[in-house]
Amino acid sequence: MILKEQLTIISTLTLAEMKGRYRNTIAGVLWVMINPLILFGVHALIFKYILRLNVDRYFIFLLGGILPWVYIHGTISQTVHSLITMRESLLSFQIHPVSVIISKSIDNFINFLIPFFFLMIVLADQASYNLMGLLFLPVALFILFVGVTSLAIFLSVLQVFFRDTEYISNFLLSIMFFLTPIFYPRHLIPEKYQILVDINPFYSFIRTFTVTLWDFNYEALTASIINGGAFMIGSMLLARFLWRKTRNELYINI
């Protein structure tokens, strides 16, 4: 019964997020498409046509990197302070704090899926997708959603006790945007520095997308799923540990 109630709360909060995001804007829900499409177009213009980055099927590669990053960045930056900003609601109503984070993550995930699949269809005439790779796309989506949501829960709880978390996480996201192979492939990085990419949790969530869409092979797919799954589970355990350790003091410090 408790689980059912929380699922109802999550769905209600998610709908509220979706309705309120672009309320009173001229373009309305079109911003769901406009923002990531413009970001994709700018990066494609700069790296494909201006810097002339020599990467085969670059648009497909960019799709598997930049769109998941939009979801990662948007979810973490928008949720890290959520428990504090919703203090009155959490104290007044029977809303589980984790439900707030999950609802915001679902909202961002839906906003990611719409332009992602739109671009997949548009770019289909640029190069053919590997059918077997596409069959594993749901696995990539699952790892991305669960891993990022778990990180968001961990950071939002940490923010309650350490108010610098928001500034540090936003600063790190800005740096990781350039250090993560999103608009350039991993093989362009000097070999001695590639280990830094391999231990990057954001890249582990994104790599499965580039494998399924761009350079599919079973060996790379297996490695990306294992690596992404390991970081996903690690994020879940980290979030669970922090929640169980601090939940009795959470409402006092919000």
Protein backbone atom coordinates (compact mmCIF):
# COMPACT_ATOMS: atom_id res chain seq x y z
CA MET A 1 0.00 0.00 0.00
CA ILE A 2 2.85 2.39 0.88
CA LEU A 3 4.56 1.62 -2.43
CA LYS A 4 1.33 2.27 -4.32
CA GLU A 5 0.88 5.60 -2.53
CA GLN A 6 4.43 6.69 -3.36
CA LEU A 7 4.00 5.69 -7.01
CA THR A 8 0.86 7.82 -7.12
CA ILE A 9 2.76 10.73 -5.56
CA ILE A 10 5.62 10.32 -8.04
CA SER A 11 3.23 10.32 -11.01
CA THR A 12 1.40 13.37 -9.65
CA LEU A 13 4.63 15.28 -9.04
CA THR A 14 5.93 14.32 -12.48
CA LEU A 15 2.79 15.64 -14.18
CA ALA A 16 3.06 18.83 -12.16
CA GLU A 17 6.68 19.23 -13.26
CA MET A 18 5.76 18.67 -16.91
CA LYS A 19 2.86 21.13 -16.79
CA GLY A 20 4.76 23.80 -14.87
CA ARG A 21 8.06 23.69 -16.76
CA TYR A 22 6.98 25.80 -19.73
CA ARG A 23 3.84 27.42 -18.36
CA ASN A 24 3.33 30.98 -19.66
CA THR A 25 6.05 30.57 -22.30
CA ILE A 26 5.45 31.41 -25.97
CA ALA A 27 6.86 28.19 -27.41
CA GLY A 28 5.49 26.02 -24.59
CA VAL A 29 6.32 22.34 -24.89
CA LEU A 30 8.26 23.04 -28.09
CA TRP A 31 11.18 23.98 -25.80
CA VAL A 32 11.47 20.26 -25.08
CA MET A 33 12.63 19.90 -28.69
CA ILE A 34 14.23 23.29 -29.28
CA ASN A 35 16.87 23.31 -26.53
CA PRO A 36 18.56 19.94 -27.27
CA LEU A 37 18.17 20.34 -31.05
CA ILE A 38 19.92 23.72 -30.99
CA LEU A 39 22.68 22.29 -28.77
CA PHE A 40 23.08 19.35 -31.16
CA GLY A 41 23.12 21.64 -34.19
CA VAL A 42 25.73 24.01 -32.74
CA HIS A 43 28.11 21.18 -31.83
CA ALA A 44 27.59 19.53 -35.23
CA LEU A 45 28.36 22.83 -36.98
CA ILE A 46 31.49 23.57 -34.96
CA PHE A 47 33.10 20.14 -34.85
CA LYS A 48 31.97 18.72 -38.19
CA TYR A 49 32.10 21.72 -40.51
CA ILE A 50 34.34 24.32 -38.83
CA LEU A 51 36.95 22.23 -36.99
CA ARG A 52 36.36 19.40 -39.48
CA LEU A 53 36.70 16.61 -36.94
CA ASN A 54 37.37 13.46 -38.97
CA VAL A 55 34.95 11.03 -37.36
CA ASP A 56 32.91 8.58 -39.41
CA ARG A 57 29.13 9.08 -39.08
CA TYR A 58 29.78 11.97 -36.73
CA PHE A 59 26.12 12.98 -36.39
CA ILE A 60 25.24 9.53 -35.07
CA PHE A 61 28.18 9.63 -32.66
CA LEU A 62 27.13 13.08 -31.44
CA LEU A 63 23.54 11.91 -30.94
CA GLY A 64 24.71 9.16 -28.57
CA GLY A 65 26.76 11.61 -26.53
CA ILE A 66 25.28 15.09 -26.38
CA LEU A 67 21.62 14.12 -25.83
CA PRO A 68 22.31 11.81 -22.85
CA TRP A 69 24.57 14.53 -21.44
CA VAL A 70 21.70 17.03 -21.59
CA TYR A 71 19.69 14.64 -19.41
CA ILE A 72 22.60 14.09 -17.00
CA HIS A 73 23.35 17.77 -16.59
CA GLY A 74 19.71 18.85 -16.41
CA THR A 75 18.72 16.24 -13.83
CA ILE A 76 21.62 16.78 -11.46
CA SER A 77 21.58 20.59 -11.65
CA GLN A 78 17.80 20.77 -11.17
CA THR A 79 17.52 18.24 -8.34
CA VAL A 80 20.51 18.94 -6.12
CA HIS A 81 18.65 21.69 -4.22
CA SER A 82 15.14 20.20 -4.51
CA LEU A 83 14.80 18.94 -0.94
CA ILE A 84 15.61 22.39 0.40
CA THR A 85 13.38 24.35 -1.97
CA MET A 86 10.48 21.97 -1.24
CA ARG A 87 11.01 22.14 2.51
CA GLU A 88 7.48 23.35 3.31
CA SER A 89 5.84 20.64 1.22
CA LEU A 90 8.00 17.88 2.70
CA LEU A 91 7.22 19.04 6.24
CA SER A 92 3.50 19.55 5.60
CA PHE A 93 2.58 16.52 3.49
CA GLN A 94 3.40 12.82 3.48
CA ILE A 95 5.79 13.06 0.55
CA HIS A 96 8.86 10.87 0.61
CA PRO A 97 11.91 13.04 -0.19
CA VAL A 98 13.20 10.48 -2.69
CA SER A 99 9.88 10.70 -4.58
CA VAL A 100 10.59 14.37 -5.29
CA ILE A 101 13.93 13.54 -6.91
CA ILE A 102 12.54 10.62 -8.89
CA SER A 103 9.68 12.73 -10.28
CA LYS A 104 12.09 15.42 -11.49
CA SER A 105 14.33 12.78 -13.03
CA ILE A 106 11.38 11.20 -14.88
CA ASP A 107 10.37 14.62 -16.18
CA ASN A 108 13.88 15.24 -17.51
CA PHE A 109 14.05 11.72 -18.92
CA ILE A 110 10.85 12.24 -20.94
CA ASN A 111 12.21 15.57 -22.17
CA PHE A 112 15.35 13.71 -23.25
CA LEU A 113 13.54 10.86 -25.02
CA ILE A 114 11.42 13.07 -27.29
CA PRO A 115 14.26 14.88 -29.12
CA PHE A 116 16.48 11.79 -28.91
CA PHE A 117 14.14 9.58 -30.90
CA PHE A 118 13.23 12.48 -33.19
CA LEU A 119 16.90 12.90 -34.14
CA MET A 120 17.30 9.14 -34.48
CA ILE A 121 14.61 9.15 -37.15
CA VAL A 122 15.91 12.29 -38.87
CA LEU A 123 19.47 10.93 -39.01
CA ALA A 124 18.40 7.51 -40.26
CA ASP A 125 19.12 8.58 -43.86
CA GLN A 126 22.67 9.64 -42.92
CA ALA A 127 23.74 6.09 -42.08
CA SER A 128 22.08 2.82 -41.26
CA TYR A 129 21.85 1.64 -37.67
CA ASN A 130 22.92 -1.82 -36.62
CA LEU A 131 19.70 -3.71 -35.85
CA MET A 132 21.31 -5.77 -33.08
CA GLY A 133 22.67 -2.60 -31.55
CA LEU A 134 19.22 -1.02 -31.48
CA LEU A 135 17.88 -4.05 -29.61
CA PHE A 136 20.18 -3.16 -26.72
CA LEU A 137 19.15 0.50 -26.67
CA PRO A 138 16.64 -0.10 -23.82
CA VAL A 139 19.55 -1.39 -21.72
CA ALA A 140 21.42 1.86 -22.33
CA LEU A 141 18.33 3.87 -21.40
CA PHE A 142 17.84 1.84 -18.20
CA ILE A 143 21.46 2.26 -17.08
CA LEU A 144 21.31 5.98 -17.80
CA PHE A 145 18.05 6.61 -15.93
CA VAL A 146 18.79 4.52 -12.84
CA GLY A 147 22.41 5.65 -12.59
CA VAL A 148 21.69 9.36 -12.95
CA THR A 149 18.64 9.23 -10.67
CA SER A 150 20.71 7.51 -7.99
CA LEU A 151 23.43 10.17 -8.28
CA ALA A 152 20.75 12.86 -8.06
CA ILE A 153 19.34 11.32 -4.87
CA PHE A 154 22.80 11.11 -3.32
CA LEU A 155 23.67 14.73 -4.15
CA SER A 156 20.30 16.15 -3.08
CA VAL A 157 20.54 14.44 0.32
CA LEU A 158 24.16 15.57 0.68
CA GLN A 159 23.09 19.14 -0.13
CA VAL A 160 20.85 19.16 2.95
CA PHE A 161 23.86 18.72 5.22
CA PHE A 162 26.56 20.37 3.10
CA ARG A 163 25.17 23.41 1.27
CA ASP A 164 28.31 23.68 -0.89
CA THR A 165 27.26 20.51 -2.73
CA GLU A 166 25.21 22.47 -5.29
CA TYR A 167 28.12 24.74 -6.23
CA ILE A 168 30.65 21.93 -6.33
CA SER A 169 28.45 19.64 -8.44
CA ASN A 170 27.66 22.41 -10.95
CA PHE A 171 31.35 23.28 -11.18
CA LEU A 172 32.29 19.64 -11.74
CA LEU A 173 29.58 19.24 -14.38
CA SER A 174 31.04 22.19 -16.29
CA ILE A 175 34.47 20.59 -16.24
CA MET A 176 33.26 17.06 -17.01
CA PHE A 177 31.45 18.33 -20.10
CA PHE A 178 34.85 18.82 -21.74
CA LEU A 179 36.58 15.82 -20.13
CA THR A 180 33.88 13.35 -21.17
CA PRO A 181 33.98 12.03 -24.78
CA ILE A 182 30.66 13.54 -25.79
CA PHE A 183 31.56 15.48 -28.94
CA TYR A 184 34.88 13.71 -29.57
CA PRO A 185 35.56 9.94 -29.51
CA ARG A 186 37.70 8.24 -26.89
CA HIS A 187 40.38 7.11 -29.36
CA LEU A 188 41.42 10.73 -29.98
CA ILE A 189 42.59 10.98 -26.35
CA PRO A 190 46.28 10.10 -25.77
CA GLU A 191 46.47 6.52 -24.55
CA LYS A 192 48.07 7.38 -21.22
CA TYR A 193 45.05 9.55 -20.33
CA GLN A 194 42.34 7.15 -21.45
CA ILE A 195 42.20 5.57 -17.99
CA LEU A 196 40.75 8.86 -16.73
CA VAL A 197 37.88 8.43 -19.18
CA ASP A 198 37.30 4.83 -18.21
CA ILE A 199 36.77 5.75 -14.54
CA ASN A 200 34.43 8.60 -15.45
CA PRO A 201 30.92 7.55 -14.31
CA PHE A 202 29.25 9.90 -16.81
CA TYR A 203 31.11 8.29 -19.68
CA SER A 204 30.12 4.84 -18.43
CA PHE A 205 26.44 5.85 -18.75
CA ILE A 206 26.98 7.39 -22.20
CA ARG A 207 29.28 4.77 -23.72
CA THR A 208 26.48 2.21 -24.11
CA PHE A 209 24.65 4.68 -26.35
CA THR A 210 27.60 5.22 -28.68
CA VAL A 211 28.12 1.44 -28.91
CA THR A 212 24.50 0.66 -29.76
CA LEU A 213 24.15 3.54 -32.24
CA TRP A 214 27.58 4.23 -33.68
CA ASP A 215 30.27 1.52 -33.35
CA PHE A 216 28.38 -1.62 -32.41
CA ASN A 217 30.25 -4.84 -31.71
CA TYR A 218 29.53 -7.46 -29.07
CA GLU A 219 32.83 -7.09 -27.24
CA ALA A 220 32.44 -3.32 -26.83
CA LEU A 221 28.77 -3.75 -25.93
CA THR A 222 29.53 -6.28 -23.20
CA ALA A 223 32.27 -4.07 -21.76
CA SER A 224 30.05 -0.98 -21.81
CA ILE A 225 27.13 -2.76 -20.13
CA ILE A 226 29.39 -4.22 -17.43
CA ASN A 227 31.08 -0.88 -16.81
CA GLY A 228 27.87 1.14 -16.93
CA GLY A 229 26.05 -1.42 -14.80
CA ALA A 230 28.83 -1.36 -12.21
CA PHE A 231 28.68 2.44 -11.91
CA MET A 232 24.87 2.28 -11.82
CA ILE A 233 24.89 -0.22 -8.95
CA GLY A 234 27.61 1.75 -7.20
CA SER A 235 25.49 4.91 -7.45
CA MET A 236 22.46 3.08 -6.08
CA LEU A 237 24.42 1.70 -3.12
CA LEU A 238 25.97 5.09 -2.42
CA ALA A 239 22.56 6.79 -2.44
CA ARG A 240 21.04 4.06 -0.29
CA PHE A 241 23.89 4.26 2.24
CA LEU A 242 23.65 8.04 2.60
CA TRP A 243 19.86 7.95 2.87
CA ARG A 244 19.82 5.29 5.58
CA LYS A 245 22.57 7.10 7.49
CA THR A 246 20.93 10.55 7.43
CA ARG A 247 17.17 10.00 7.09
CA ASN A 248 16.49 10.49 10.83
CA GLU A 249 18.15 13.92 10.72
CA LEU A 250 17.01 15.00 7.28
CA TYR A 251 13.87 16.90 8.25
CA ILE A 252 15.71 18.73 11.02
CA ASN A 253 18.33 20.06 8.61
CA ILE A 254 16.18 20.88 5.60
